[in-house]
Amino acid sequence: MAGARAVWRTNLGECQGSGANPYRVVADTENVGSKCTCPSRKFPCKHAIALMRMYVDDSSAFKSGEIPAWVNDWIGRRRAGGAPPAAKSEPKSIALAQEVPPKPTDPAHEARRQAAAAKRAQDTNATVEAGLQELETWIADQVRSGLSAFVNEPGQRCRRIASRLVDAKAGALASRIDEMPSRLLALPTDERLDAAIMELGKLVVLARAWKAAPADVEMRREVIASETREEVLNNPVAPRVSAMWEVLGERVVTRRDGLVSVSTWLLALDEGQQHFALLLDFFPASAGRRTGAFAAGDRFYAELAFYPARVPLRAVIASRSEI
């Protein structure tokens, strides 16, 4: 169901989960936010993500209806001060209707803000470096104890170091290690040992590359986290390419963390341009089996914004035009 600024599940927003009672899940479509009564420690939880995804995919499926009291109560508490907004009144004079000019920037305050940001970045780098040092020690222990034992039980061993890297703010690298067991176990038994050596070798290279250039944007992407779509679109140095693009292929993978990743490879067809692009999309596996937005052979004209890199490849669609 849908209201003026909120959407909620049918049957008054109740969503059947693993508990004895249905969960209530609601999302704010004006000031993005969500609320669910499930016990998950993740925010937003998978129920809220699924609800928002369904609304984005097909908002017409959400029929207008009477807003339940619990939805109204939650929307009211999200407003500033926790109380419903006062009724707007017409300005009593032209002077009152004029916009208040912004206050001049305080140089001292701006300097303190920049110093605090630099201190946070420095602390993050120190925490990540400590985590990477522990990672190298862990890799050395696996080699010393014999990689055959590691190949026999990769899940348990990788889970411990991945948890430590999450604590060290190296979330992207932790996800890579958490996915390693599934990549190894998908191979024939006689190929797993060589694959494990390659995987661990890549981790050593990444750890040492980070230590050599912690400010490098590509290293941050591989070790800490990728930029958001909005950050890429608002980045003035992000390369942009406008062209006719053809979809070369697609890969859909269900990850261990409960997300499904959809990778779509594109090729620019315009003369004089030889650009490849990779679009990555993620959605919760609980939302059901889905495919990407494109099929191999599709063509469309669009402007793509690329993640800054030495050889830009991953991109997001900035604008798209119909052929």
C-alpha atoms as a PDB file:
ATOM      1  CA  MET A   1       0.000   0.000   0.000  1.00  0.00           C
ATOM      2  CA  ALA A   2       1.081   3.623  -0.454  1.00  0.00           C
ATOM      3  CA  GLY A   3       0.298   6.998   1.110  1.00  0.00           C
ATOM      4  CA  ALA A   4       1.413  10.590   0.603  1.00  0.00           C
ATOM      5  CA  ARG A   5       5.034   9.955   1.583  1.00  0.00           C
ATOM      6  CA  ALA A   6       5.225   6.360   2.779  1.00  0.00           C
ATOM      7  CA  VAL A   7       4.830   2.826   1.475  1.00  0.00           C
ATOM      8  CA  TRP A   8       4.127  -0.250   3.539  1.00  0.00           C
ATOM      9  CA  ARG A   9       3.357  -3.885   3.007  1.00  0.00           C
ATOM     10  CA  THR A  10      -0.228  -5.007   2.399  1.00  0.00           C
ATOM     11  CA  ASN A  11      -2.179  -6.364   5.366  1.00  0.00           C
ATOM     12  CA  LEU A  12      -1.298  -3.164   7.275  1.00  0.00           C
ATOM     13  CA  GLY A  13       2.405  -3.450   6.572  1.00  0.00           C
ATOM     14  CA  GLU A  14       2.848  -6.923   8.052  1.00  0.00           C
ATOM     15  CA  CYS A  15       5.547  -9.147   6.590  1.00  0.00           C
ATOM     16  CA  GLN A  16       5.795 -12.809   7.541  1.00  0.00           C
ATOM     17  CA  GLY A  17       9.321 -13.588   8.678  1.00  0.00           C
ATOM     18  CA  SER A  18      10.937 -16.354  10.702  1.00  0.00           C
ATOM     19  CA  GLY A  19       9.289 -15.232  13.956  1.00  0.00           C
ATOM     20  CA  ALA A  20       5.939 -16.272  15.302  1.00  0.00           C
ATOM     21  CA  ASN A  21       4.309 -12.910  14.528  1.00  0.00           C
ATOM     22  CA  PRO A  22       4.405 -10.968  11.257  1.00  0.00           C
ATOM     23  CA  TYR A  23       6.765  -7.981  11.050  1.00  0.00           C
ATOM     24  CA  ARG A  24       5.614  -4.454  10.294  1.00  0.00           C
ATOM     25  CA  VAL A  25       7.751  -2.719   7.682  1.00  0.00           C
ATOM     26  CA  VAL A  26       7.362   0.824   6.312  1.00  0.00           C
ATOM     27  CA  ALA A  27       9.522   3.124   4.152  1.00  0.00           C
ATOM     28  CA  ASP A  28       9.549   6.928   3.850  1.00  0.00           C
ATOM     29  CA  THR A  29       9.616   7.903   0.156  1.00  0.00           C
ATOM     30  CA  GLU A  30      10.152  11.630   0.788  1.00  0.00           C
ATOM     31  CA  ASN A  31      12.964  11.665   3.364  1.00  0.00           C
ATOM     32  CA  VAL A  32      14.531   8.281   2.664  1.00  0.00           C
ATOM     33  CA  GLY A  33      14.277   5.978   5.668  1.00  0.00           C
ATOM     34  CA  SER A  34      12.645   2.798   6.860  1.00  0.00           C
ATOM     35  CA  LYS A  35      11.405   0.967   9.949  1.00  0.00           C
ATOM     36  CA  CYS A  36      10.836  -2.735  10.594  1.00  0.00           C
ATOM     37  CA  THR A  37       9.914  -4.608  13.770  1.00  0.00           C
ATOM     38  CA  CYS A  38      12.152  -7.580  12.930  1.00  0.00           C
ATOM     39  CA  PRO A  39      15.085  -8.289  15.322  1.00  0.00           C
ATOM     40  CA  SER A  40      17.774  -7.858  12.630  1.00  0.00           C
ATOM     41  CA  ARG A  41      20.758  -5.710  13.650  1.00  0.00           C
ATOM     42  CA  LYS A  42      21.264  -4.608  10.050  1.00  0.00           C
ATOM     43  CA  PHE A  43      19.821  -1.263   8.957  1.00  0.00           C
ATOM     44  CA  PRO A  44      18.043  -1.213   6.681  1.00  0.00           C
ATOM     45  CA  CYS A  45      17.021  -4.849   7.163  1.00  0.00           C
ATOM     46  CA  LYS A  46      16.264  -7.209   4.284  1.00  0.00           C
ATOM     47  CA  HIS A  47      12.511  -6.653   4.666  1.00  0.00           C
ATOM     48  CA  ALA A  48      12.879  -2.872   4.251  1.00  0.00           C
ATOM     49  CA  ILE A  49      15.282  -3.304   1.319  1.00  0.00           C
ATOM     50  CA  ALA A  50      12.859  -5.668  -0.410  1.00  0.00           C
ATOM     51  CA  LEU A  51       9.952  -3.258   0.158  1.00  0.00           C
ATOM     52  CA  MET A  52      11.861  -0.274  -1.272  1.00  0.00           C
ATOM     53  CA  ARG A  53      13.116  -2.336  -4.206  1.00  0.00           C
ATOM     54  CA  MET A  54       9.605  -3.469  -5.092  1.00  0.00           C
ATOM     55  CA  TYR A  55       8.373   0.138  -4.917  1.00  0.00           C
ATOM     56  CA  VAL A  56      11.174   1.355  -7.225  1.00  0.00           C
ATOM     57  CA  ASP A  57      10.577  -1.500  -9.687  1.00  0.00           C
ATOM     58  CA  ASP A  58       6.805  -0.992  -9.922  1.00  0.00           C
ATOM     59  CA  SER A  59       5.253   1.807  -7.867  1.00  0.00           C
ATOM     60  CA  SER A  60       1.903   1.246  -9.604  1.00  0.00           C
ATOM     61  CA  ALA A  61       1.543  -2.042  -7.731  1.00  0.00           C
ATOM     62  CA  PHE A  62       1.212  -0.086  -4.489  1.00  0.00           C
ATOM     63  CA  LYS A  63      -2.424   0.969  -4.281  1.00  0.00           C
ATOM     64  CA  SER A  64      -3.416   4.044  -2.312  1.00  0.00           C
ATOM     65  CA  GLY A  65      -5.262   3.379   0.892  1.00  0.00           C
ATOM     66  CA  GLU A  66      -5.964   4.549   4.404  1.00  0.00           C
ATOM     67  CA  ILE A  67      -2.732   5.075   6.310  1.00  0.00           C
ATOM     68  CA  PRO A  68      -2.590   2.909   9.443  1.00  0.00           C
ATOM     69  CA  ALA A  69      -2.093   4.635  12.790  1.00  0.00           C
ATOM     70  CA  TRP A  70       1.326   3.042  13.355  1.00  0.00           C
ATOM     71  CA  VAL A  71       2.554   4.401   9.994  1.00  0.00           C
ATOM     72  CA  ASN A  72       1.295   7.905  10.821  1.00  0.00           C
ATOM     73  CA  ASP A  73       2.946   7.703  14.217  1.00  0.00           C
ATOM     74  CA  TRP A  74       6.320   6.710  12.707  1.00  0.00           C
ATOM     75  CA  ILE A  75       6.180   9.446  10.050  1.00  0.00           C
ATOM     76  CA  GLY A  76       5.343  12.018  12.735  1.00  0.00           C
ATOM     77  CA  ARG A  77       8.308  10.991  14.875  1.00  0.00           C
ATOM     78  CA  ARG A  78      10.676  11.322  11.888  1.00  0.00           C
ATOM     79  CA  ARG A  79       9.960  15.038  11.579  1.00  0.00           C
ATOM     80  CA  ALA A  80      12.242  17.517  13.266  1.00  0.00           C
ATOM     81  CA  GLY A  81      11.615  17.696  16.994  1.00  0.00           C
ATOM     82  CA  GLY A  82       9.534  14.522  16.950  1.00  0.00           C
ATOM     83  CA  ALA A  83       6.257  16.445  16.564  1.00  0.00           C
ATOM     84  CA  PRO A  84       3.987  17.052  13.568  1.00  0.00           C
ATOM     85  CA  PRO A  85       4.881  20.215  11.636  1.00  0.00           C
ATOM     86  CA  ALA A  86       2.912  23.353  12.389  1.00  0.00           C
ATOM     87  CA  ALA A  87       0.509  24.568   9.761  1.00  0.00           C
ATOM     88  CA  LYS A  88       2.163  26.898   7.280  1.00  0.00           C
ATOM     89  CA  SER A  89       0.955  30.472   7.365  1.00  0.00           C
ATOM     90  CA  GLU A  90       1.303  33.257   4.878  1.00  0.00           C
ATOM     91  CA  PRO A  91       4.102  35.752   5.613  1.00  0.00           C
ATOM     92  CA  LYS A  92       2.795  38.877   7.325  1.00  0.00           C
ATOM     93  CA  SER A  93       5.066  41.164   5.369  1.00  0.00           C
ATOM     94  CA  ILE A  94       7.379  41.193   2.400  1.00  0.00           C
ATOM     95  CA  ALA A  95      10.358  41.470   4.732  1.00  0.00           C
ATOM     96  CA  LEU A  96       9.425  38.238   6.510  1.00  0.00           C
ATOM     97  CA  ALA A  97       8.986  36.436   3.172  1.00  0.00           C
ATOM     98  CA  GLN A  98      12.500  37.221   2.041  1.00  0.00           C
ATOM     99  CA  GLU A  99      15.115  34.516   2.362  1.00  0.00           C
ATOM    100  CA  VAL A 100      17.559  34.888   5.206  1.00  0.00           C
ATOM    101  CA  PRO A 101      21.049  35.311   3.735  1.00  0.00           C
ATOM    102  CA  PRO A 102      23.483  32.534   4.656  1.00  0.00           C
ATOM    103  CA  LYS A 103      25.853  33.228   7.475  1.00  0.00           C
ATOM    104  CA  PRO A 104      29.453  33.869   6.431  1.00  0.00           C
ATOM    105  CA  THR A 105      31.789  30.917   6.878  1.00  0.00           C
ATOM    106  CA  ASP A 106      33.850  31.072  10.031  1.00  0.00           C
ATOM    107  CA  PRO A 107      37.492  30.407   8.990  1.00  0.00           C
ATOM    108  CA  ALA A 108      38.343  29.060  12.431  1.00  0.00           C
ATOM    109  CA  HIS A 109      35.381  26.664  12.387  1.00  0.00           C
ATOM    110  CA  GLU A 110      36.243  25.495   8.863  1.00  0.00           C
ATOM    111  CA  ALA A 111      39.851  24.918   9.894  1.00  0.00           C
ATOM    112  CA  ARG A 112      38.721  22.827  12.877  1.00  0.00           C
ATOM    113  CA  ARG A 113      36.383  20.833  10.649  1.00  0.00           C
ATOM    114  CA  GLN A 114      39.151  20.067   8.165  1.00  0.00           C
ATOM    115  CA  ALA A 115      41.544  19.156  10.974  1.00  0.00           C
ATOM    116  CA  ALA A 116      38.969  16.770  12.460  1.00  0.00           C
ATOM    117  CA  ALA A 117      38.386  15.151   9.045  1.00  0.00           C
ATOM    118  CA  ALA A 118      42.139  14.715   8.559  1.00  0.00           C
ATOM    119  CA  LYS A 119      42.424  13.157  12.025  1.00  0.00           C
ATOM    120  CA  ARG A 120      39.608  10.702  11.260  1.00  0.00           C
ATOM    121  CA  ALA A 121      41.276   9.721   7.979  1.00  0.00           C
ATOM    122  CA  GLN A 122      44.580   9.240   9.769  1.00  0.00           C
ATOM    123  CA  ASP A 123      42.960   7.060  12.440  1.00  0.00           C
ATOM    124  CA  THR A 124      41.192   5.001   9.758  1.00  0.00           C
ATOM    125  CA  ASN A 125      44.447   4.441   7.880  1.00  0.00           C
ATOM    126  CA  ALA A 126      46.184   3.333  11.082  1.00  0.00           C
ATOM    127  CA  THR A 127      43.356   0.915  11.911  1.00  0.00           C
ATOM    128  CA  VAL A 128      43.335  -0.534   8.374  1.00  0.00           C
ATOM    129  CA  GLU A 129      47.113  -0.919   8.346  1.00  0.00           C
ATOM    130  CA  ALA A 130      46.997  -2.843  11.621  1.00  0.00           C
ATOM    131  CA  GLY A 131      44.341  -5.127  10.144  1.00  0.00           C
ATOM    132  CA  LEU A 132      46.413  -5.721   7.008  1.00  0.00           C
ATOM    133  CA  GLN A 133      49.451  -6.573   9.123  1.00  0.00           C
ATOM    134  CA  GLU A 134      47.335  -9.171  10.899  1.00  0.00           C
ATOM    135  CA  LEU A 135      46.183 -10.459   7.507  1.00  0.00           C
ATOM    136  CA  GLU A 136      49.781 -11.007   6.347  1.00  0.00           C
ATOM    137  CA  THR A 137      50.554 -12.837   9.591  1.00  0.00           C
ATOM    138  CA  TRP A 138      47.458 -15.016   9.045  1.00  0.00           C
ATOM    139  CA  ILE A 139      48.543 -15.843   5.473  1.00  0.00           C
ATOM    140  CA  ALA A 140      52.028 -16.781   6.711  1.00  0.00           C
ATOM    141  CA  ASP A 141      50.427 -19.104   9.290  1.00  0.00           C
ATOM    142  CA  GLN A 142      48.361 -20.834   6.580  1.00  0.00           C
ATOM    143  CA  VAL A 143      51.462 -21.433   4.467  1.00  0.00           C
ATOM    144  CA  ARG A 144      53.513 -22.626   7.439  1.00  0.00           C
ATOM    145  CA  SER A 145      50.851 -25.091   8.595  1.00  0.00           C
ATOM    146  CA  GLY A 146      50.318 -26.408   5.044  1.00  0.00           C
ATOM    147  CA  LEU A 147      47.870 -25.217   2.425  1.00  0.00           C
ATOM    148  CA  SER A 148      46.338 -28.673   2.106  1.00  0.00           C
ATOM    149  CA  ALA A 149      44.738 -28.184   5.520  1.00  0.00           C
ATOM    150  CA  PHE A 150      43.555 -24.730   4.472  1.00  0.00           C
ATOM    151  CA  VAL A 151      41.908 -26.093   1.320  1.00  0.00           C
ATOM    152  CA  ASN A 152      40.081 -28.727   3.374  1.00  0.00           C
ATOM    153  CA  GLU A 153      38.435 -26.169   5.670  1.00  0.00           C
ATOM    154  CA  PRO A 154      38.560 -22.732   4.008  1.00  0.00           C
ATOM    155  CA  GLY A 155      35.210 -21.531   5.323  1.00  0.00           C
ATOM    156  CA  GLN A 156      36.072 -21.612   9.022  1.00  0.00           C
ATOM    157  CA  ARG A 157      39.548 -20.145   8.567  1.00  0.00           C
ATOM    158  CA  CYS A 158      38.454 -17.349   6.245  1.00  0.00           C
ATOM    159  CA  ARG A 159      35.542 -16.383   8.461  1.00  0.00           C
ATOM    160  CA  ARG A 160      37.815 -15.571  11.405  1.00  0.00           C
ATOM    161  CA  ILE A 161      40.161 -13.252   9.517  1.00  0.00           C
ATOM    162  CA  ALA A 162      37.261 -11.661   7.613  1.00  0.00           C
ATOM    163  CA  SER A 163      35.616 -10.719  10.927  1.00  0.00           C
ATOM    164  CA  ARG A 164      38.880  -9.180  12.118  1.00  0.00           C
ATOM    165  CA  LEU A 165      39.159  -7.101   8.922  1.00  0.00           C
ATOM    166  CA  VAL A 166      35.600  -5.809   9.378  1.00  0.00           C
ATOM    167  CA  ASP A 167      36.642  -4.571  12.826  1.00  0.00           C
ATOM    168  CA  ALA A 168      39.697  -2.975  11.174  1.00  0.00           C
ATOM    169  CA  LYS A 169      37.423  -1.031   8.748  1.00  0.00           C
ATOM    170  CA  ALA A 170      38.654  -3.030   5.738  1.00  0.00           C
ATOM    171  CA  GLY A 171      35.166  -4.112   4.717  1.00  0.00           C
ATOM    172  CA  ALA A 172      35.785  -4.567   0.985  1.00  0.00           C
ATOM    173  CA  LEU A 173      38.764  -6.837   1.607  1.00  0.00           C
ATOM    174  CA  ALA A 174      36.783  -8.760   4.233  1.00  0.00           C
ATOM    175  CA  SER A 175      34.045  -9.443   1.662  1.00  0.00           C
ATOM    176  CA  ARG A 176      36.647 -10.700  -0.807  1.00  0.00           C
ATOM    177  CA  ILE A 177      38.013 -13.152   1.764  1.00  0.00           C
ATOM    178  CA  ASP A 178      34.526 -14.225   2.828  1.00  0.00           C
ATOM    179  CA  GLU A 179      33.758 -15.158  -0.796  1.00  0.00           C
ATOM    180  CA  MET A 180      37.028 -17.092  -1.230  1.00  0.00           C
ATOM    181  CA  PRO A 181      35.737 -20.473   0.085  1.00  0.00           C
ATOM    182  CA  SER A 182      32.868 -20.551  -2.422  1.00  0.00           C
ATOM    183  CA  ARG A 183      35.281 -19.806  -5.282  1.00  0.00           C
ATOM    184  CA  LEU A 184      37.650 -22.578  -4.172  1.00  0.00           C
ATOM    185  CA  LEU A 185      34.965 -25.199  -3.551  1.00  0.00           C
ATOM    186  CA  ALA A 186      33.442 -24.554  -6.986  1.00  0.00           C
ATOM    187  CA  LEU A 187      36.663 -25.857  -8.591  1.00  0.00           C
ATOM    188  CA  PRO A 188      37.679 -29.500  -9.163  1.00  0.00           C
ATOM    189  CA  THR A 189      39.561 -30.927  -6.183  1.00  0.00           C
ATOM    190  CA  ASP A 190      42.911 -31.121  -8.012  1.00  0.00           C
ATOM    191  CA  GLU A 191      42.756 -27.403  -8.898  1.00  0.00           C
ATOM    192  CA  ARG A 192      41.931 -25.995  -5.461  1.00  0.00           C
ATOM    193  CA  LEU A 193      45.486 -25.908  -4.099  1.00  0.00           C
ATOM    194  CA  ASP A 194      46.837 -23.822  -6.993  1.00  0.00           C
ATOM    195  CA  ALA A 195      43.790 -21.538  -6.783  1.00  0.00           C
ATOM    196  CA  ALA A 196      44.337 -21.055  -3.027  1.00  0.00           C
ATOM    197  CA  ILE A 197      47.953 -20.034  -3.660  1.00  0.00           C
ATOM    198  CA  MET A 198      46.803 -17.472  -6.228  1.00  0.00           C
ATOM    199  CA  GLU A 199      44.074 -16.099  -3.940  1.00  0.00           C
ATOM    200  CA  LEU A 200      46.416 -15.694  -0.971  1.00  0.00           C
ATOM    201  CA  GLY A 201      49.078 -14.160  -3.220  1.00  0.00           C
ATOM    202  CA  LYS A 202      46.618 -11.528  -4.438  1.00  0.00           C
ATOM    203  CA  LEU A 203      45.785 -10.659  -0.831  1.00  0.00           C
ATOM    204  CA  VAL A 204      49.468 -10.094  -0.062  1.00  0.00           C
ATOM    205  CA  VAL A 205      49.810  -7.838  -3.118  1.00  0.00           C
ATOM    206  CA  LEU A 206      46.741  -5.816  -2.093  1.00  0.00           C
ATOM    207  CA  ALA A 207      47.965  -5.435   1.487  1.00  0.00           C
ATOM    208  CA  ARG A 208      51.382  -4.186   0.419  1.00  0.00           C
ATOM    209  CA  ALA A 209      49.965  -1.930  -2.295  1.00  0.00           C
ATOM    210  CA  TRP A 210      47.739  -0.272   0.318  1.00  0.00           C
ATOM    211  CA  LYS A 211      50.720   0.329   2.611  1.00  0.00           C
ATOM    212  CA  ALA A 212      52.623   1.908  -0.292  1.00  0.00           C
ATOM    213  CA  ALA A 213      49.767   4.245  -1.330  1.00  0.00           C
ATOM    214  CA  PRO A 214      46.959   4.404   1.275  1.00  0.00           C
ATOM    215  CA  ALA A 215      45.516   7.541  -0.345  1.00  0.00           C
ATOM    216  CA  ASP A 216      45.098   5.894  -3.766  1.00  0.00           C
ATOM    217  CA  VAL A 217      41.417   5.791  -4.718  1.00  0.00           C
ATOM    218  CA  GLU A 218      41.678   2.318  -6.289  1.00  0.00           C
ATOM    219  CA  MET A 219      43.350   0.895  -3.191  1.00  0.00           C
ATOM    220  CA  ARG A 220      40.612   2.380  -1.006  1.00  0.00           C
ATOM    221  CA  ARG A 221      38.013   0.773  -3.271  1.00  0.00           C
ATOM    222  CA  GLU A 222      39.636  -2.665  -2.952  1.00  0.00           C
ATOM    223  CA  VAL A 223      40.353  -2.507   0.779  1.00  0.00           C
ATOM    224  CA  ILE A 224      37.765  -0.254   2.484  1.00  0.00           C
ATOM    225  CA  ALA A 225      34.706   0.406   0.309  1.00  0.00           C
ATOM    226  CA  SER A 226      33.591   1.615  -3.117  1.00  0.00           C
ATOM    227  CA  GLU A 227      32.112   5.031  -3.707  1.00  0.00           C
ATOM    228  CA  THR A 228      28.345   5.319  -3.852  1.00  0.00           C
ATOM    229  CA  ARG A 229      26.523   6.059  -7.100  1.00  0.00           C
ATOM    230  CA  GLU A 230      25.879   9.637  -5.948  1.00  0.00           C
ATOM    231  CA  GLU A 231      29.561  10.186  -5.146  1.00  0.00           C
ATOM    232  CA  VAL A 232      30.574   9.039  -8.635  1.00  0.00           C
ATOM    233  CA  LEU A 233      27.969  11.221 -10.356  1.00  0.00           C
ATOM    234  CA  ASN A 234      28.996  14.266  -8.311  1.00  0.00           C
ATOM    235  CA  ASN A 235      32.730  13.694  -8.754  1.00  0.00           C
ATOM    236  CA  PRO A 236      34.060  16.364 -11.166  1.00  0.00           C
ATOM    237  CA  VAL A 237      37.053  14.216 -12.140  1.00  0.00           C
ATOM    238  CA  ALA A 238      35.054  11.052 -12.881  1.00  0.00           C
ATOM    239  CA  PRO A 239      35.471  10.258 -16.630  1.00  0.00           C
ATOM    240  CA  ARG A 240      32.277  10.385 -18.694  1.00  0.00           C
ATOM    241  CA  VAL A 241      31.581   8.781 -22.052  1.00  0.00           C
ATOM    242  CA  SER A 242      28.475   9.328 -24.203  1.00  0.00           C
ATOM    243  CA  ALA A 243      28.007   6.630 -26.823  1.00  0.00           C
ATOM    244  CA  MET A 244      25.828   3.902 -28.263  1.00  0.00           C
ATOM    245  CA  TRP A 245      26.421   0.909 -25.980  1.00  0.00           C
ATOM    246  CA  GLU A 246      25.885  -2.777 -26.714  1.00  0.00           C
ATOM    247  CA  VAL A 247      25.390  -5.351 -23.960  1.00  0.00           C
ATOM    248  CA  LEU A 248      28.034  -8.071 -24.306  1.00  0.00           C
ATOM    249  CA  GLY A 249      26.975 -10.328 -21.478  1.00  0.00           C
ATOM    250  CA  GLU A 250      25.722 -10.678 -17.937  1.00  0.00           C
ATOM    251  CA  ARG A 251      26.613 -12.692 -14.845  1.00  0.00           C
ATOM    252  CA  VAL A 252      24.364 -13.224 -11.817  1.00  0.00           C
ATOM    253  CA  VAL A 253      25.975 -14.520  -8.609  1.00  0.00           C
ATOM    254  CA  THR A 254      24.436 -15.163  -5.186  1.00  0.00           C
ATOM    255  CA  ARG A 255      26.934 -14.126  -2.524  1.00  0.00           C
ATOM    256  CA  ARG A 256      27.497 -15.542   0.944  1.00  0.00           C
ATOM    257  CA  ASP A 257      26.304 -12.308   2.573  1.00  0.00           C
ATOM    258  CA  GLY A 258      22.774 -12.763   1.189  1.00  0.00           C
ATOM    259  CA  LEU A 259      23.105 -10.353  -1.728  1.00  0.00           C
ATOM    260  CA  VAL A 260      22.833 -11.144  -5.422  1.00  0.00           C
ATOM    261  CA  SER A 261      25.306  -9.321  -7.675  1.00  0.00           C
ATOM    262  CA  VAL A 262      24.496  -8.655 -11.327  1.00  0.00           C
ATOM    263  CA  SER A 263      27.471  -7.803 -13.572  1.00  0.00           C
ATOM    264  CA  THR A 264      26.727  -6.384 -17.032  1.00  0.00           C
ATOM    265  CA  TRP A 265      29.496  -5.771 -19.596  1.00  0.00           C
ATOM    266  CA  LEU A 266      29.067  -3.074 -22.250  1.00  0.00           C
ATOM    267  CA  LEU A 267      30.948  -2.006 -25.394  1.00  0.00           C
ATOM    268  CA  ALA A 268      30.817   1.453 -27.006  1.00  0.00           C
ATOM    269  CA  LEU A 269      29.945   1.172 -30.704  1.00  0.00           C
ATOM    270  CA  ASP A 270      30.768   4.729 -31.818  1.00  0.00           C
ATOM    271  CA  GLU A 271      33.605   5.099 -34.297  1.00  0.00           C
ATOM    272  CA  GLY A 272      36.851   6.303 -32.812  1.00  0.00           C
ATOM    273  CA  GLN A 273      35.946   4.984 -29.362  1.00  0.00           C
ATOM    274  CA  GLN A 274      37.033   1.683 -27.878  1.00  0.00           C
ATOM    275  CA  HIS A 275      35.465   1.722 -24.448  1.00  0.00           C
ATOM    276  CA  PHE A 276      34.346  -1.176 -22.322  1.00  0.00           C
ATOM    277  CA  ALA A 277      32.196  -0.654 -19.246  1.00  0.00           C
ATOM    278  CA  LEU A 278      31.018  -2.787 -16.338  1.00  0.00           C
ATOM    279  CA  LEU A 279      27.736  -2.105 -14.521  1.00  0.00           C
ATOM    280  CA  LEU A 280      27.329  -3.679 -11.079  1.00  0.00           C
ATOM    281  CA  ASP A 281      23.987  -4.003  -9.327  1.00  0.00           C
ATOM    282  CA  PHE A 282      23.118  -5.623  -5.998  1.00  0.00           C
ATOM    283  CA  PHE A 283      19.836  -6.707  -4.428  1.00  0.00           C
ATOM    284  CA  PRO A 284      18.869  -9.028  -1.552  1.00  0.00           C
ATOM    285  CA  ALA A 285      18.447 -12.682  -2.419  1.00  0.00           C
ATOM    286  CA  SER A 286      15.254 -12.687  -0.349  1.00  0.00           C
ATOM    287  CA  ALA A 287      13.641 -10.503  -3.020  1.00  0.00           C
ATOM    288  CA  GLY A 288      13.501 -13.544  -5.302  1.00  0.00           C
ATOM    289  CA  ARG A 289      15.318 -14.603  -8.448  1.00  0.00           C
ATOM    290  CA  ARG A 290      15.883 -11.661 -10.771  1.00  0.00           C
ATOM    291  CA  THR A 291      17.912 -10.871 -13.837  1.00  0.00           C
ATOM    292  CA  GLY A 292      19.590  -7.649 -14.821  1.00  0.00           C
ATOM    293  CA  ALA A 293      17.951  -4.753 -16.606  1.00  0.00           C
ATOM    294  CA  PHE A 294      19.577  -5.723 -19.910  1.00  0.00           C
ATOM    295  CA  ALA A 295      19.964  -8.768 -22.141  1.00  0.00           C
ATOM    296  CA  ALA A 296      22.917  -9.688 -24.340  1.00  0.00           C
ATOM    297  CA  GLY A 297      22.643  -7.858 -27.659  1.00  0.00           C
ATOM    298  CA  ASP A 298      20.618  -4.901 -26.328  1.00  0.00           C
ATOM    299  CA  ARG A 299      21.696  -1.470 -27.573  1.00  0.00           C
ATOM    300  CA  PHE A 300      21.027   1.927 -26.022  1.00  0.00           C
ATOM    301  CA  TYR A 301      22.450   5.428 -26.065  1.00  0.00           C
ATOM    302  CA  ALA A 302      23.664   6.711 -22.699  1.00  0.00           C
ATOM    303  CA  GLU A 303      26.203   8.797 -20.862  1.00  0.00           C
ATOM    304  CA  LEU A 304      28.217   6.706 -18.410  1.00  0.00           C
ATOM    305  CA  ALA A 305      30.175   8.057 -15.450  1.00  0.00           C
ATOM    306  CA  PHE A 306      33.194   5.888 -14.621  1.00  0.00           C
ATOM    307  CA  TYR A 307      34.726   5.228 -11.252  1.00  0.00           C
ATOM    308  CA  PRO A 308      38.118   7.022 -11.285  1.00  0.00           C
ATOM    309  CA  ALA A 309      40.918   4.525 -11.995  1.00  0.00           C
ATOM    310  CA  ARG A 310      44.102   4.114 -14.016  1.00  0.00           C
ATOM    311  CA  VAL A 311      42.056   2.093 -16.507  1.00  0.00           C
ATOM    312  CA  PRO A 312      38.398   3.047 -15.868  1.00  0.00           C
ATOM    313  CA  LEU A 313      35.981   0.140 -16.264  1.00  0.00           C
ATOM    314  CA  ARG A 314      33.231   0.131 -13.629  1.00  0.00           C
ATOM    315  CA  ALA A 315      30.579   2.750 -14.376  1.00  0.00           C
ATOM    316  CA  VAL A 316      27.090   3.991 -13.575  1.00  0.00           C
ATOM    317  CA  ILE A 317      24.509   5.331 -16.030  1.00  0.00           C
ATOM    318  CA  ALA A 318      24.313   9.124 -15.699  1.00  0.00           C
ATOM    319  CA  SER A 319      21.613   9.583 -18.359  1.00  0.00           C
ATOM    320  CA  ARG A 320      19.985   7.405 -20.989  1.00  0.00           C
ATOM    321  CA  SER A 321      18.130   8.162 -24.222  1.00  0.00           C
ATOM    322  CA  GLU A 322      15.843   5.965 -26.245  1.00  0.00           C
ATOM    323  CA  ILE A 323      17.080   4.959 -29.716  1.00  0.00           C
END
